[in-house]
Amino acid sequence: MSVQSNVEVHSEWGIVSARQAGRNLAKELGFAGVDQARITTAISELARNIYLYAEKGEIVLEGIEGKETGGAKRGLKIVAKDQGPGIKSIREVMEDGYTTSGGLGAGLPGVKRLMDEFDIDSVAGEGTEITTIKWLR
């Protein structure tokens, strides 16, 4: 499956563009409305984190097929990456209620709950890469 979209995030408009691209790709891949909303919400949170904490980065959206199922399983992979300051304590940011921006603290734990797979890699001073997958039901 070769459907892919890269969206630069360096302003509020980048967040909006990433959301729209994600919703469009999710619809194209056959996701139902509720899962489209989950995907869009996850993208919005990831893009907003890039904008708030790293100032710029990108959201990469890709239609994928599950290797373990011989391609029978299809989904949408979202990769949020930046070259920002990195996350000092992944354990802390993954706790419900933890916030550095004065928000609700639902951010990354919320993204993890909305998606089927979630992986985070961050190096202080080098940046962060978060990969999430939502599988088509």
C-alpha atoms as a PDB file:
ATOM      1  CA  MET A   1       0.000   0.000   0.000  1.00  0.00           C
ATOM      2  CA  SER A   2       1.674   3.234  -1.076  1.00  0.00           C
ATOM      3  CA  VAL A   3      -0.742   5.962   0.052  1.00  0.00           C
ATOM      4  CA  GLN A   4       1.322   8.499   1.979  1.00  0.00           C
ATOM      5  CA  SER A   5       1.102  12.145   2.960  1.00  0.00           C
ATOM      6  CA  ASN A   6       3.635  14.386   4.718  1.00  0.00           C
ATOM      7  CA  VAL A   7       2.402  17.558   6.423  1.00  0.00           C
ATOM      8  CA  GLU A   8       4.791  20.166   7.798  1.00  0.00           C
ATOM      9  CA  VAL A   9       3.762  21.569  11.179  1.00  0.00           C
ATOM     10  CA  HIS A  10       5.126  24.986  12.082  1.00  0.00           C
ATOM     11  CA  SER A  11       1.923  26.972  12.647  1.00  0.00           C
ATOM     12  CA  GLU A  12      -1.715  26.532  13.638  1.00  0.00           C
ATOM     13  CA  TRP A  13      -2.462  26.001   9.937  1.00  0.00           C
ATOM     14  CA  GLY A  14      -0.122  23.013   9.917  1.00  0.00           C
ATOM     15  CA  ILE A  15      -2.240  21.453  12.660  1.00  0.00           C
ATOM     16  CA  VAL A  16      -5.388  22.038  10.604  1.00  0.00           C
ATOM     17  CA  SER A  17      -3.744  20.659   7.442  1.00  0.00           C
ATOM     18  CA  ALA A  18      -2.554  17.525   9.261  1.00  0.00           C
ATOM     19  CA  ARG A  19      -6.058  16.919  10.657  1.00  0.00           C
ATOM     20  CA  GLN A  20      -7.651  17.322   7.224  1.00  0.00           C
ATOM     21  CA  ALA A  21      -5.111  15.087   5.504  1.00  0.00           C
ATOM     22  CA  GLY A  22      -5.583  12.426   8.183  1.00  0.00           C
ATOM     23  CA  ARG A  23      -9.366  12.495   7.960  1.00  0.00           C
ATOM     24  CA  ASN A  24      -9.240  12.319   4.154  1.00  0.00           C
ATOM     25  CA  LEU A  25      -6.825   9.381   4.167  1.00  0.00           C
ATOM     26  CA  ALA A  26      -8.810   7.557   6.873  1.00  0.00           C
ATOM     27  CA  LYS A  27     -11.977   7.977   4.789  1.00  0.00           C
ATOM     28  CA  GLU A  28     -10.175   6.818   1.634  1.00  0.00           C
ATOM     29  CA  LEU A  29      -8.915   3.714   3.458  1.00  0.00           C
ATOM     30  CA  GLY A  30     -12.462   2.830   4.543  1.00  0.00           C
ATOM     31  CA  PHE A  31     -12.514   3.824   8.222  1.00  0.00           C
ATOM     32  CA  ALA A  32     -15.979   4.429   9.681  1.00  0.00           C
ATOM     33  CA  GLY A  33     -16.923   7.861  11.014  1.00  0.00           C
ATOM     34  CA  VAL A  34     -16.121   7.113  14.659  1.00  0.00           C
ATOM     35  CA  ASP A  35     -12.632   5.843  13.819  1.00  0.00           C
ATOM     36  CA  GLN A  36     -12.104   8.814  11.489  1.00  0.00           C
ATOM     37  CA  ALA A  37     -12.842  11.078  14.479  1.00  0.00           C
ATOM     38  CA  ARG A  38     -10.449   9.102  16.712  1.00  0.00           C
ATOM     39  CA  ILE A  39      -7.684   9.360  14.113  1.00  0.00           C
ATOM     40  CA  THR A  40      -8.306  13.073  13.578  1.00  0.00           C
ATOM     41  CA  THR A  41      -8.228  13.731  17.328  1.00  0.00           C
ATOM     42  CA  ALA A  42      -4.947  11.816  17.711  1.00  0.00           C
ATOM     43  CA  ILE A  43      -3.374  13.732  14.815  1.00  0.00           C
ATOM     44  CA  SER A  44      -4.539  17.021  16.277  1.00  0.00           C
ATOM     45  CA  GLU A  45      -2.894  16.258  19.631  1.00  0.00           C
ATOM     46  CA  LEU A  46       0.357  15.078  18.037  1.00  0.00           C
ATOM     47  CA  ALA A  47       0.549  18.093  15.713  1.00  0.00           C
ATOM     48  CA  ARG A  48      -0.278  20.508  18.540  1.00  0.00           C
ATOM     49  CA  ASN A  49       2.531  19.002  20.634  1.00  0.00           C
ATOM     50  CA  ILE A  50       4.964  19.570  17.771  1.00  0.00           C
ATOM     51  CA  TYR A  51       3.843  23.190  17.453  1.00  0.00           C
ATOM     52  CA  LEU A  52       3.882  23.905  21.216  1.00  0.00           C
ATOM     53  CA  TYR A  53       7.058  22.135  22.248  1.00  0.00           C
ATOM     54  CA  ALA A  54       9.298  21.796  19.179  1.00  0.00           C
ATOM     55  CA  GLU A  55       7.950  24.701  17.077  1.00  0.00           C
ATOM     56  CA  LYS A  56       8.254  22.681  13.870  1.00  0.00           C
ATOM     57  CA  GLY A  57       8.179  19.125  12.649  1.00  0.00           C
ATOM     58  CA  GLU A  58       6.043  16.904  10.487  1.00  0.00           C
ATOM     59  CA  ILE A  59       3.184  14.449  10.526  1.00  0.00           C
ATOM     60  CA  VAL A  60       3.604  11.509   8.151  1.00  0.00           C
ATOM     61  CA  LEU A  61       0.435   9.580   7.269  1.00  0.00           C
ATOM     62  CA  GLU A  62       0.632   6.210   5.551  1.00  0.00           C
ATOM     63  CA  GLY A  63      -1.825   3.526   4.563  1.00  0.00           C
ATOM     64  CA  ILE A  64      -0.320   0.188   5.626  1.00  0.00           C
ATOM     65  CA  GLU A  65      -0.960  -3.544   5.428  1.00  0.00           C
ATOM     66  CA  GLY A  66      -0.227  -5.987   8.245  1.00  0.00           C
ATOM     67  CA  LYS A  67       2.768  -8.152   7.383  1.00  0.00           C
ATOM     68  CA  GLU A  68       1.770 -10.873   9.834  1.00  0.00           C
ATOM     69  CA  THR A  69      -1.593 -11.309   8.104  1.00  0.00           C
ATOM     70  CA  GLY A  70      -0.270 -11.439   4.546  1.00  0.00           C
ATOM     71  CA  GLY A  71      -1.729  -8.014   3.818  1.00  0.00           C
ATOM     72  CA  ALA A  72      -5.230  -8.964   5.002  1.00  0.00           C
ATOM     73  CA  LYS A  73      -5.036  -6.370   7.777  1.00  0.00           C
ATOM     74  CA  ARG A  74      -5.044  -2.724   6.677  1.00  0.00           C
ATOM     75  CA  GLY A  75      -4.559   0.409   8.674  1.00  0.00           C
ATOM     76  CA  LEU A  76      -3.309   3.949   8.989  1.00  0.00           C
ATOM     77  CA  LYS A  77       0.123   4.719  10.443  1.00  0.00           C
ATOM     78  CA  ILE A  78       0.801   8.180  11.831  1.00  0.00           C
ATOM     79  CA  VAL A  79       4.346   9.302  12.589  1.00  0.00           C
ATOM     80  CA  ALA A  80       4.889  12.618  14.370  1.00  0.00           C
ATOM     81  CA  LYS A  81       8.510  13.718  14.325  1.00  0.00           C
ATOM     82  CA  ASP A  82      10.460  16.799  15.293  1.00  0.00           C
ATOM     83  CA  GLN A  83      13.964  17.956  16.134  1.00  0.00           C
ATOM     84  CA  GLY A  84      12.843  19.791  19.263  1.00  0.00           C
ATOM     85  CA  PRO A  85      14.096  19.584  22.834  1.00  0.00           C
ATOM     86  CA  GLY A  86      12.907  16.012  23.339  1.00  0.00           C
ATOM     87  CA  ILE A  87      10.939  14.665  26.273  1.00  0.00           C
ATOM     88  CA  LYS A  88      12.814  14.557  29.586  1.00  0.00           C
ATOM     89  CA  SER A  89      10.635  11.870  31.153  1.00  0.00           C
ATOM     90  CA  ILE A  90       8.492   9.683  28.908  1.00  0.00           C
ATOM     91  CA  ARG A  91       7.080   7.982  32.009  1.00  0.00           C
ATOM     92  CA  GLU A  92       5.769  11.328  33.323  1.00  0.00           C
ATOM     93  CA  VAL A  93       4.186  12.489  30.053  1.00  0.00           C
ATOM     94  CA  MET A  94       2.397   9.142  29.769  1.00  0.00           C
ATOM     95  CA  GLU A  95       0.640   9.666  33.115  1.00  0.00           C
ATOM     96  CA  ASP A  96      -2.950  10.910  32.918  1.00  0.00           C
ATOM     97  CA  GLY A  97      -3.189  14.464  34.214  1.00  0.00           C
ATOM     98  CA  TYR A  98       0.473  15.371  33.631  1.00  0.00           C
ATOM     99  CA  THR A  99       0.766  18.706  31.836  1.00  0.00           C
ATOM    100  CA  THR A 100       3.440  21.292  31.129  1.00  0.00           C
ATOM    101  CA  SER A 101       1.172  23.593  29.123  1.00  0.00           C
ATOM    102  CA  GLY A 102      -1.617  24.072  31.652  1.00  0.00           C
ATOM    103  CA  GLY A 103      -3.987  21.851  29.654  1.00  0.00           C
ATOM    104  CA  LEU A 104      -6.035  18.887  30.809  1.00  0.00           C
ATOM    105  CA  GLY A 105      -3.124  16.462  30.674  1.00  0.00           C
ATOM    106  CA  ALA A 106      -4.989  14.030  28.410  1.00  0.00           C
ATOM    107  CA  GLY A 107      -2.480  14.447  25.553  1.00  0.00           C
ATOM    108  CA  LEU A 108      -0.260  11.472  24.825  1.00  0.00           C
ATOM    109  CA  PRO A 109      -2.126   9.022  27.097  1.00  0.00           C
ATOM    110  CA  GLY A 110      -5.272  10.015  25.204  1.00  0.00           C
ATOM    111  CA  VAL A 111      -3.586   9.401  21.863  1.00  0.00           C
ATOM    112  CA  LYS A 112      -2.493   5.969  23.078  1.00  0.00           C
ATOM    113  CA  ARG A 113      -6.083   5.115  24.061  1.00  0.00           C
ATOM    114  CA  LEU A 114      -7.501   6.301  20.722  1.00  0.00           C
ATOM    115  CA  MET A 115      -5.096   4.242  18.628  1.00  0.00           C
ATOM    116  CA  ASP A 116      -4.365   0.498  18.451  1.00  0.00           C
ATOM    117  CA  GLU A 117      -0.567   0.758  18.610  1.00  0.00           C
ATOM    118  CA  PHE A 118       1.628   3.474  20.120  1.00  0.00           C
ATOM    119  CA  ASP A 119       5.399   3.892  20.336  1.00  0.00           C
ATOM    120  CA  ILE A 120       7.433   6.864  21.486  1.00  0.00           C
ATOM    121  CA  ASP A 121      11.139   7.531  21.038  1.00  0.00           C
ATOM    122  CA  SER A 122      12.673  10.727  22.362  1.00  0.00           C
ATOM    123  CA  VAL A 123      16.214  11.924  22.952  1.00  0.00           C
ATOM    124  CA  ALA A 124      16.822  15.093  24.964  1.00  0.00           C
ATOM    125  CA  GLY A 125      18.210  17.799  22.699  1.00  0.00           C
ATOM    126  CA  GLU A 126      17.587  15.799  19.521  1.00  0.00           C
ATOM    127  CA  GLY A 127      13.832  15.420  19.163  1.00  0.00           C
ATOM    128  CA  THR A 128      10.897  13.067  19.410  1.00  0.00           C
ATOM    129  CA  GLU A 129       9.279  10.514  17.126  1.00  0.00           C
ATOM    130  CA  ILE A 130       5.878   9.055  17.979  1.00  0.00           C
ATOM    131  CA  THR A 131       4.421   6.266  15.841  1.00  0.00           C
ATOM    132  CA  THR A 132       0.787   5.216  16.125  1.00  0.00           C
ATOM    133  CA  ILE A 133      -1.349   2.801  14.122  1.00  0.00           C
ATOM    134  CA  LYS A 134      -5.113   2.407  13.815  1.00  0.00           C
ATOM    135  CA  TRP A 135      -6.192  -0.859  12.207  1.00  0.00           C
ATOM    136  CA  LEU A 136      -9.266  -1.053  10.005  1.00  0.00           C
ATOM    137  CA  ARG A 137     -11.967  -3.147  11.643  1.00  0.00           C
END
